[in-house]
C-alpha atoms as a PDB file:
ATOM      1  CA  UNK A   1     -43.064 184.485 162.155  1.00  0.00           C
ATOM      2  CA  UNK A   2     -45.485 186.590 159.799  1.00  0.00           C
ATOM      3  CA  UNK A   3     -47.409 189.261 161.880  1.00  0.00           C
ATOM      4  CA  UNK A   4     -51.359 189.600 161.016  1.00  0.00           C
ATOM      5  CA  UNK A   5     -52.001 193.054 159.654  1.00  0.00           C
ATOM      6  CA  UNK A   6     -54.571 194.346 161.703  1.00  0.00           C
ATOM      7  CA  UNK A   7     -55.509 197.316 159.882  1.00  0.00           C
ATOM      8  CA  UNK A   8     -56.418 195.297 156.730  1.00  0.00           C
ATOM      9  CA  UNK A   9     -58.504 192.918 159.021  1.00  0.00           C
ATOM     10  CA  UNK A  10     -60.334 195.577 160.246  1.00  0.00           C
ATOM     11  CA  UNK A  11     -60.750 197.259 156.923  1.00  0.00           C
ATOM     12  CA  UNK A  12     -62.323 194.183 155.289  1.00  0.00           C
ATOM     13  CA  UNK A  13     -64.853 193.743 157.808  1.00  0.00           C
ATOM     14  CA  UNK A  14     -65.762 197.129 157.627  1.00  0.00           C
ATOM     15  CA  UNK A  15     -66.090 196.547 154.069  1.00  0.00           C
ATOM     16  CA  UNK A  16     -68.359 193.619 155.011  1.00  0.00           C
ATOM     17  CA  UNK A  17     -70.342 195.376 157.018  1.00  0.00           C
ATOM     18  CA  UNK A  18     -70.891 198.173 154.777  1.00  0.00           C
ATOM     19  CA  UNK A  19     -72.405 196.224 152.223  1.00  0.00           C
ATOM     20  CA  UNK A  20     -75.009 194.294 154.541  1.00  0.00           C
ATOM     21  CA  UNK A  21     -77.354 197.485 154.081  1.00  0.00           C
ATOM     22  CA  UNK A  22     -77.476 196.682 150.523  1.00  0.00           C
ATOM     23  CA  UNK A  23     -78.197 192.460 150.702  1.00  0.00           C
ATOM     24  CA  UNK A  24     -80.194 192.703 153.284  1.00  0.00           C
ATOM     25  CA  UNK A  25     -82.918 195.773 151.955  1.00  0.00           C
ATOM     26  CA  UNK A  26     -82.749 192.743 148.665  1.00  0.00           C
ATOM     27  CA  UNK A  27     -83.718 190.438 150.990  1.00  0.00           C
ATOM     28  CA  UNK A  28     -86.108 192.562 152.524  1.00  0.00           C
ATOM     29  CA  UNK A  29     -88.514 192.150 149.247  1.00  0.00           C
ATOM     30  CA  UNK A  30     -88.641 188.398 149.775  1.00  0.00           C
ATOM     31  CA  UNK A  31     -88.168 188.305 153.476  1.00  0.00           C
ATOM     32  CA  UNK A  32     -89.890 191.608 155.281  1.00  0.00           C
ATOM     33  CA  UNK A  33     -88.827 191.293 159.035  1.00  0.00           C
ATOM     34  CA  UNK A  34     -85.054 190.903 158.212  1.00  0.00           C
ATOM     35  CA  UNK A  35     -82.974 192.358 160.605  1.00  0.00           C
ATOM     36  CA  UNK A  36     -79.491 192.803 161.693  1.00  0.00           C
ATOM     37  CA  UNK A  37     -78.554 189.988 163.901  1.00  0.00           C
ATOM     38  CA  UNK A  38     -75.174 192.068 164.834  1.00  0.00           C
ATOM     39  CA  UNK A  39     -76.578 195.269 166.427  1.00  0.00           C
ATOM     40  CA  UNK A  40     -77.531 193.308 169.374  1.00  0.00           C
ATOM     41  CA  UNK A  41     -74.460 191.008 169.248  1.00  0.00           C
ATOM     42  CA  UNK A  42     -71.119 192.270 167.234  1.00  0.00           C
ATOM     43  CA  UNK A  43     -70.356 189.000 167.313  1.00  0.00           C
ATOM     44  CA  UNK A  44     -73.231 186.925 165.732  1.00  0.00           C
ATOM     45  CA  UNK A  45     -72.700 183.215 164.084  1.00  0.00           C
ATOM     46  CA  UNK A  46     -75.089 185.022 161.047  1.00  0.00           C
ATOM     47  CA  UNK A  47     -75.585 188.309 160.624  1.00  0.00           C
ATOM     48  CA  UNK A  48     -79.428 188.351 160.121  1.00  0.00           C
ATOM     49  CA  UNK A  49     -82.810 186.769 160.722  1.00  0.00           C
ATOM     50  CA  UNK A  50     -86.453 186.642 159.889  1.00  0.00           C
ATOM     51  CA  UNK A  51     -89.173 185.238 161.203  1.00  0.00           C
ATOM     52  CA  UNK A  52     -91.919 185.599 158.276  1.00  0.00           C
ATOM     53  CA  UNK A  53     -95.043 183.595 158.913  1.00  0.00           C
ATOM     54  CA  UNK A  54     -93.837 181.691 161.444  1.00  0.00           C
ATOM     55  CA  UNK A  55     -90.508 180.436 159.269  1.00  0.00           C
ATOM     56  CA  UNK A  56     -87.000 181.974 161.207  1.00  0.00           C
ATOM     57  CA  UNK A  57     -84.209 181.817 158.862  1.00  0.00           C
ATOM     58  CA  UNK A  58     -80.732 183.027 159.896  1.00  0.00           C
ATOM     59  CA  UNK A  59     -79.082 184.665 156.634  1.00  0.00           C
ATOM     60  CA  UNK A  60     -75.635 184.869 156.491  1.00  0.00           C
ATOM     61  CA  UNK A  61     -73.717 187.475 153.232  1.00  0.00           C
ATOM     62  CA  UNK A  62     -70.319 187.007 152.259  1.00  0.00           C
ATOM     63  CA  UNK A  63     -68.866 189.917 149.716  1.00  0.00           C
ATOM     64  CA  UNK A  64     -66.040 188.909 147.543  1.00  0.00           C
ATOM     65  CA  UNK A  65     -63.509 191.235 146.045  1.00  0.00           C
ATOM     66  CA  UNK A  66     -61.007 189.413 143.497  1.00  0.00           C
ATOM     67  CA  UNK A  67     -63.232 187.062 142.863  1.00  0.00           C
ATOM     68  CA  UNK A  68     -64.922 185.838 139.542  1.00  0.00           C
ATOM     69  CA  UNK A  69     -67.861 183.415 139.151  1.00  0.00           C
ATOM     70  CA  UNK A  70     -66.337 179.938 138.880  1.00  0.00           C
ATOM     71  CA  UNK A  71     -63.006 180.913 139.333  1.00  0.00           C
ATOM     72  CA  UNK A  72     -62.273 178.365 141.910  1.00  0.00           C
ATOM     73  CA  UNK A  73     -64.528 175.104 143.117  1.00  0.00           C
ATOM     74  CA  UNK A  74     -66.333 176.705 145.227  1.00  0.00           C
ATOM     75  CA  UNK A  75     -67.203 180.084 147.392  1.00  0.00           C
ATOM     76  CA  UNK A  76     -65.741 179.776 150.809  1.00  0.00           C
ATOM     77  CA  UNK A  77     -67.157 180.333 154.552  1.00  0.00           C
ATOM     78  CA  UNK A  78     -65.866 179.393 157.634  1.00  0.00           C
ATOM     79  CA  UNK A  79     -66.805 175.956 158.590  1.00  0.00           C
ATOM     80  CA  UNK A  80     -67.861 177.022 162.516  1.00  0.00           C
ATOM     81  CA  UNK A  81     -71.049 178.629 160.143  1.00  0.00           C
ATOM     82  CA  UNK A  82     -71.712 174.796 159.230  1.00  0.00           C
ATOM     83  CA  UNK A  83     -71.190 173.232 162.280  1.00  0.00           C
ATOM     84  CA  UNK A  84     -73.168 176.231 164.566  1.00  0.00           C
ATOM     85  CA  UNK A  85     -75.520 175.629 161.698  1.00  0.00           C
ATOM     86  CA  UNK A  86     -76.548 171.990 162.085  1.00  0.00           C
ATOM     87  CA  UNK A  87     -77.440 172.734 165.439  1.00  0.00           C
ATOM     88  CA  UNK A  88     -79.941 175.306 164.573  1.00  0.00           C
ATOM     89  CA  UNK A  89     -81.514 173.310 161.664  1.00  0.00           C
ATOM     90  CA  UNK A  90     -82.166 170.864 164.752  1.00  0.00           C
ATOM     91  CA  UNK A  91     -83.891 173.486 166.666  1.00  0.00           C
ATOM     92  CA  UNK A  92     -86.176 174.473 163.619  1.00  0.00           C
ATOM     93  CA  UNK A  93     -84.063 177.571 162.180  1.00  0.00           C
ATOM     94  CA  UNK A  94     -83.268 177.573 159.136  1.00  0.00           C
ATOM     95  CA  UNK A  95     -79.884 178.627 157.479  1.00  0.00           C
ATOM     96  CA  UNK A  96     -78.985 180.200 154.480  1.00  0.00           C
ATOM     97  CA  UNK A  97     -75.707 181.624 152.605  1.00  0.00           C
ATOM     98  CA  UNK A  98     -75.504 184.748 150.495  1.00  0.00           C
ATOM     99  CA  UNK A  99     -72.375 185.535 148.637  1.00  0.00           C
ATOM    100  CA  UNK A 100     -71.631 188.544 146.085  1.00  0.00           C
ATOM    101  CA  UNK A 101     -68.745 188.975 143.661  1.00  0.00           C
ATOM    102  CA  UNK A 102     -67.839 192.613 143.653  1.00  0.00           C
ATOM    103  CA  UNK A 103     -65.546 192.281 140.965  1.00  0.00           C
ATOM    104  CA  UNK A 104     -67.666 190.201 138.808  1.00  0.00           C
ATOM    105  CA  UNK A 105     -71.248 190.326 137.951  1.00  0.00           C
ATOM    106  CA  UNK A 106     -72.198 192.406 140.848  1.00  0.00           C
ATOM    107  CA  UNK A 107     -74.915 189.278 141.091  1.00  0.00           C
ATOM    108  CA  UNK A 108     -75.792 187.395 144.265  1.00  0.00           C
ATOM    109  CA  UNK A 109     -75.513 183.280 145.031  1.00  0.00           C
ATOM    110  CA  UNK A 110     -77.121 181.516 147.439  1.00  0.00           C
ATOM    111  CA  UNK A 111     -76.835 178.182 149.391  1.00  0.00           C
ATOM    112  CA  UNK A 112     -79.482 176.418 152.289  1.00  0.00           C
ATOM    113  CA  UNK A 113     -77.810 173.984 154.200  1.00  0.00           C
ATOM    114  CA  UNK A 114     -80.854 171.521 155.410  1.00  0.00           C
ATOM    115  CA  UNK A 115     -79.170 168.621 155.999  1.00  0.00           C
ATOM    116  CA  UNK A 116     -75.195 168.194 155.982  1.00  0.00           C
ATOM    117  CA  UNK A 117     -75.317 164.166 155.507  1.00  0.00           C
ATOM    118  CA  UNK A 118     -77.012 164.597 152.154  1.00  0.00           C
ATOM    119  CA  UNK A 119     -75.439 167.373 151.412  1.00  0.00           C
ATOM    120  CA  UNK A 120     -71.862 166.205 151.926  1.00  0.00           C
ATOM    121  CA  UNK A 121     -71.295 166.167 147.951  1.00  0.00           C
ATOM    122  CA  UNK A 122     -72.280 170.003 147.805  1.00  0.00           C
ATOM    123  CA  UNK A 123     -69.288 171.321 150.125  1.00  0.00           C
ATOM    124  CA  UNK A 124     -65.313 170.601 150.636  1.00  0.00           C
ATOM    125  CA  UNK A 125     -64.116 170.750 154.060  1.00  0.00           C
ATOM    126  CA  UNK A 126     -60.489 171.803 154.180  1.00  0.00           C
ATOM    127  CA  UNK A 127     -57.958 174.228 155.778  1.00  0.00           C
ATOM    128  CA  UNK A 128     -57.223 177.515 154.604  1.00  0.00           C
ATOM    129  CA  UNK A 129     -56.197 180.561 155.465  1.00  0.00           C
ATOM    130  CA  UNK A 130     -56.053 184.766 154.649  1.00  0.00           C
ATOM    131  CA  UNK A 131     -52.669 184.924 153.442  1.00  0.00           C
ATOM    132  CA  UNK A 132     -53.279 188.662 152.567  1.00  0.00           C
ATOM    133  CA  UNK A 133     -53.902 189.323 156.189  1.00  0.00           C
ATOM    134  CA  UNK A 134     -51.608 186.993 157.400  1.00  0.00           C
ATOM    135  CA  UNK A 135     -54.863 185.401 159.776  1.00  0.00           C
ATOM    136  CA  UNK A 136     -53.056 182.166 159.643  1.00  0.00           C
ATOM    137  CA  UNK A 137     -55.227 178.503 159.079  1.00  0.00           C
ATOM    138  CA  UNK A 138     -58.739 178.077 159.748  1.00  0.00           C
ATOM    139  CA  UNK A 139     -61.150 175.060 158.710  1.00  0.00           C
ATOM    140  CA  UNK A 140     -63.148 176.498 155.816  1.00  0.00           C
ATOM    141  CA  UNK A 141     -65.633 174.857 153.580  1.00  0.00           C
ATOM    142  CA  UNK A 142     -66.198 175.658 149.937  1.00  0.00           C
ATOM    143  CA  UNK A 143     -69.600 174.979 148.603  1.00  0.00           C
ATOM    144  CA  UNK A 144     -69.352 173.833 144.957  1.00  0.00           C
ATOM    145  CA  UNK A 145     -70.764 176.399 142.395  1.00  0.00           C
ATOM    146  CA  UNK A 146     -73.081 173.477 140.888  1.00  0.00           C
ATOM    147  CA  UNK A 147     -74.907 173.587 143.567  1.00  0.00           C
ATOM    148  CA  UNK A 148     -75.352 177.624 144.420  1.00  0.00           C
ATOM    149  CA  UNK A 149     -78.028 178.979 142.946  1.00  0.00           C
ATOM    150  CA  UNK A 150     -78.586 182.544 141.315  1.00  0.00           C
ATOM    151  CA  UNK A 151     -80.802 184.931 143.735  1.00  0.00           C
ATOM    152  CA  UNK A 152     -83.661 186.470 142.193  1.00  0.00           C
ATOM    153  CA  UNK A 153     -85.949 188.950 144.255  1.00  0.00           C
END
């Protein structure tokens, strides 16, 4: 049985958190009220929240290393983000997911969850794991490349 490399898991988490300041600063041009959701609850399901002009949006950012544009079928995130997002949308809170490809073009891509039934062709549910850290399998989704948009500020 493989053991989880908690040192590497911790390093990956710190890396992701260190990148949040950069992307939040970029998003603040479009969403001036954006704040860090993790200050109050470090286990928050989404990284940030904004409330501009009465429009509440939760934002999640994933910084991907060792991944190139269009290398796989799409960009991955944990399926629980989609399931929780559906409930949030029903209560009027928009859900936007962002990815930065650190080793490629440094561009940021995004996708907004609006209606899973209508968006079912945009995503693929499956099981995958982080084999570098030995964290094991979990339910994830890929957002297909053709449905991702390049973020322009």
